[in-house]
Structures are given as structure tokens and as C-alpha cells.
């Protein structure tokens, strides 16, 4: 939206006023991008409300926030992919890892509830996704 104002001003303005219009617009963006004061959040976010909150808090357009969240999602999926690294770290907040669980064969054993010997079924190999909280998140919970 700000670019439309620049283009209309540049068509009618002389070169000296073009520079003045550009310098006036630049400080406004810096003040809008300043982080908001920290306030505890007492409601849960769904996807659209999270995007709206981040856009408001950072002073960025909602389309840009959606693009950043989509890129973050794609990066996490690519990192945790079968052929990827297998872990993803969001610095200071989260570490997400994929853990390969091997297959278990069918076996005979004692049922812990009934104390009767029985046969336990086989389980296929799986991959579990584990999420660990890191320092900033742990400190915030205290």
C-alpha cells in the first residue's frame, strides 16, 4: 500500500521531493516493526488467530506472516523427512526429533494384569516424533 503512494508521488514530484518522500516513509516502517510489550496470553490460538496476532504484534502484513509460517512448516517437514536430518530446532524454544522404533516380534509372556501366560502380538517398526522444550520455553513456564 505504501508503494502506491510512492509511485503517485514520484510521478508528480521533482527529484528533490522524491528523496524527501522516501525518507519520510522509511522511519514509519521502523517504528511499526518495534516489538510489542509482553503480555500473558490467556486464550488458545487456532491457525488464523495466531497469524492475526503475529501480524499485529510484529507490525507486518498478514500475508507476510502466512508466508513465513508456511515456510517454517515446510522447513520442519523437510528436516524431519525420512531422508532428511531427522531433527529440527527452533532456537531457544523447541527441539523436534524423529525416533525410529524397531519392530517387535510375537512373544509369549505373563500378562501383568491377570498373571496368566499369554501371547503378545507383533508390532511393526514405527517412527515417533518427540518434542523437547528448550531454555526460553522452560523459563517462561516458571
Protein backbone atom coordinates (compact mmCIF):
# COMPACT_ATOMS: atom_id res chain seq x y z
CA UNK A 1 0.00 0.00 0.00
CA UNK A 2 2.85 2.34 0.77
CA UNK A 3 4.33 1.61 -2.65
CA UNK A 4 1.23 3.02 -4.33
CA UNK A 5 1.76 6.33 -2.52
CA UNK A 6 5.39 6.40 -3.58
CA UNK A 7 4.52 5.84 -7.24
CA UNK A 8 1.87 8.55 -7.31
CA UNK A 9 4.19 10.97 -5.51
CA UNK A 10 7.06 10.15 -7.86
CA UNK A 11 5.03 10.97 -10.98
CA UNK A 12 4.14 14.48 -9.83
CA UNK A 13 7.15 15.32 -7.66
CA UNK A 14 10.55 16.64 -8.63
CA UNK A 15 13.69 14.56 -7.85
CA UNK A 16 14.32 16.51 -4.62
CA UNK A 17 10.84 15.77 -3.29
CA UNK A 18 11.16 12.11 -4.26
CA UNK A 19 14.03 11.72 -1.79
CA UNK A 20 12.04 13.53 0.90
CA UNK A 21 9.03 11.25 0.36
CA UNK A 22 11.22 8.14 0.59
CA UNK A 23 12.97 9.28 3.77
CA UNK A 24 9.65 10.12 5.43
CA UNK A 25 8.25 6.65 4.71
CA UNK A 26 11.31 4.72 5.98
CA UNK A 27 11.14 5.78 9.67
CA UNK A 28 7.44 4.87 9.82
CA UNK A 29 8.28 1.24 8.95
CA UNK A 30 10.94 1.05 11.68
CA UNK A 31 8.54 2.23 14.38
CA UNK A 32 5.84 -0.18 13.22
CA UNK A 33 8.23 -3.14 13.41
CA UNK A 34 9.12 -2.50 17.08
CA UNK A 35 8.15 -5.45 19.30
CA UNK A 36 5.06 -5.02 21.43
CA UNK A 37 5.14 -5.17 25.22
CA UNK A 38 4.99 -8.69 26.69
CA UNK A 39 1.55 -9.64 27.99
CA UNK A 40 0.45 -13.12 29.12
CA UNK A 41 -1.99 -14.72 26.67
CA UNK A 42 -4.95 -16.46 28.25
CA UNK A 43 -6.68 -17.88 25.17
CA UNK A 44 -5.69 -20.66 22.79
CA UNK A 45 -4.88 -19.77 19.19
CA UNK A 46 -6.06 -21.54 16.09
CA UNK A 47 -4.19 -21.00 12.82
CA UNK A 48 -5.96 -17.83 11.68
CA UNK A 49 -5.94 -16.13 15.07
CA UNK A 50 -2.23 -16.95 15.51
CA UNK A 51 -1.49 -15.36 12.14
CA UNK A 52 -3.52 -12.28 13.05
CA UNK A 53 -1.81 -11.98 16.44
CA UNK A 54 1.68 -12.30 14.93
CA UNK A 55 0.84 -9.74 12.23
CA UNK A 56 -0.39 -7.28 14.85
CA UNK A 57 2.48 -7.89 17.28
CA UNK A 58 5.23 -7.59 14.65
CA UNK A 59 3.65 -4.86 12.51
CA UNK A 60 3.90 -7.00 9.38
CA UNK A 61 1.17 -7.61 6.84
CA UNK A 62 -0.89 -10.79 7.42
CA UNK A 63 0.13 -12.17 4.01
CA UNK A 64 3.79 -11.99 5.01
CA UNK A 65 3.07 -13.76 8.30
CA UNK A 66 1.23 -16.53 6.46
CA UNK A 67 4.18 -16.93 4.09
CA UNK A 68 6.67 -17.13 6.98
CA UNK A 69 4.58 -19.72 8.84
CA UNK A 70 4.21 -21.77 5.65
CA UNK A 71 7.98 -21.63 5.09
CA UNK A 72 8.60 -22.68 8.72
CA UNK A 73 6.20 -25.60 8.32
CA UNK A 74 7.88 -26.70 5.09
CA UNK A 75 11.33 -26.46 6.70
CA UNK A 76 10.24 -28.59 9.67
CA UNK A 77 8.68 -31.22 7.43
CA UNK A 78 11.79 -31.34 5.23
CA UNK A 79 14.08 -31.67 8.26
CA UNK A 80 12.02 -34.49 9.79
CA UNK A 81 11.55 -36.27 6.45
CA UNK A 82 12.72 -39.87 6.12
CA UNK A 83 15.70 -38.77 4.01
CA UNK A 84 16.24 -35.53 5.97
CA UNK A 85 18.30 -34.79 9.07
CA UNK A 86 15.69 -36.18 11.46
CA UNK A 87 15.63 -33.21 13.81
CA UNK A 88 14.61 -29.56 13.78
CA UNK A 89 15.46 -26.87 16.33
CA UNK A 90 13.55 -23.64 16.82
CA UNK A 91 16.37 -21.86 18.68
CA UNK A 92 15.67 -21.39 22.37
CA UNK A 93 12.13 -22.80 22.17
CA UNK A 94 11.79 -26.33 20.78
CA UNK A 95 13.78 -29.26 19.52
CA UNK A 96 11.79 -31.74 17.43
CA UNK A 97 13.35 -35.15 16.70
CA UNK A 98 12.19 -38.29 14.96
CA UNK A 99 12.99 -41.55 16.77
CA UNK A 100 12.96 -44.87 14.93
CA UNK A 101 11.28 -47.61 16.99
CA UNK A 102 12.25 -51.11 15.80
CA UNK A 103 9.73 -53.88 15.11
CA UNK A 104 8.83 -56.30 17.93
CA UNK A 105 8.28 -59.97 17.30
CA UNK A 106 5.37 -62.02 18.59
CA UNK A 107 6.27 -63.37 22.05
CA UNK A 108 4.93 -65.34 24.98
CA UNK A 109 4.83 -63.71 28.37
CA UNK A 110 2.87 -63.17 31.56
CA UNK A 111 0.02 -60.70 31.40
CA UNK A 112 0.73 -58.14 34.15
CA UNK A 113 -2.97 -57.69 34.91
CA UNK A 114 -4.28 -61.27 35.05
CA UNK A 115 -0.93 -63.00 35.86
CA UNK A 116 -1.76 -65.61 33.20
CA UNK A 117 0.70 -66.60 30.48
CA UNK A 118 -0.39 -65.38 27.05
CA UNK A 119 0.92 -64.48 23.61
CA UNK A 120 1.66 -60.81 22.84
CA UNK A 121 1.11 -59.71 19.22
CA UNK A 122 3.88 -58.47 16.94
CA UNK A 123 4.26 -54.72 16.37
CA UNK A 124 5.64 -53.16 13.18
CA UNK A 125 8.52 -50.67 13.13
CA UNK A 126 7.38 -47.07 13.58
CA UNK A 127 8.75 -43.56 13.78
CA UNK A 128 7.81 -41.33 16.68
CA UNK A 129 8.15 -37.56 16.75
CA UNK A 130 9.41 -36.23 20.07
CA UNK A 131 9.35 -32.55 21.06
CA UNK A 132 11.59 -31.15 23.79
CA UNK A 133 11.27 -27.69 25.25
CA UNK A 134 14.44 -25.60 25.45
CA UNK A 135 15.62 -22.88 27.83
CA UNK A 136 13.42 -19.91 26.85
CA UNK A 137 10.28 -22.02 26.94
CA UNK A 138 11.21 -23.64 30.26
CA UNK A 139 11.99 -20.24 31.80
CA UNK A 140 8.68 -18.84 30.56
CA UNK A 141 6.77 -21.67 32.29
CA UNK A 142 8.33 -20.88 35.68
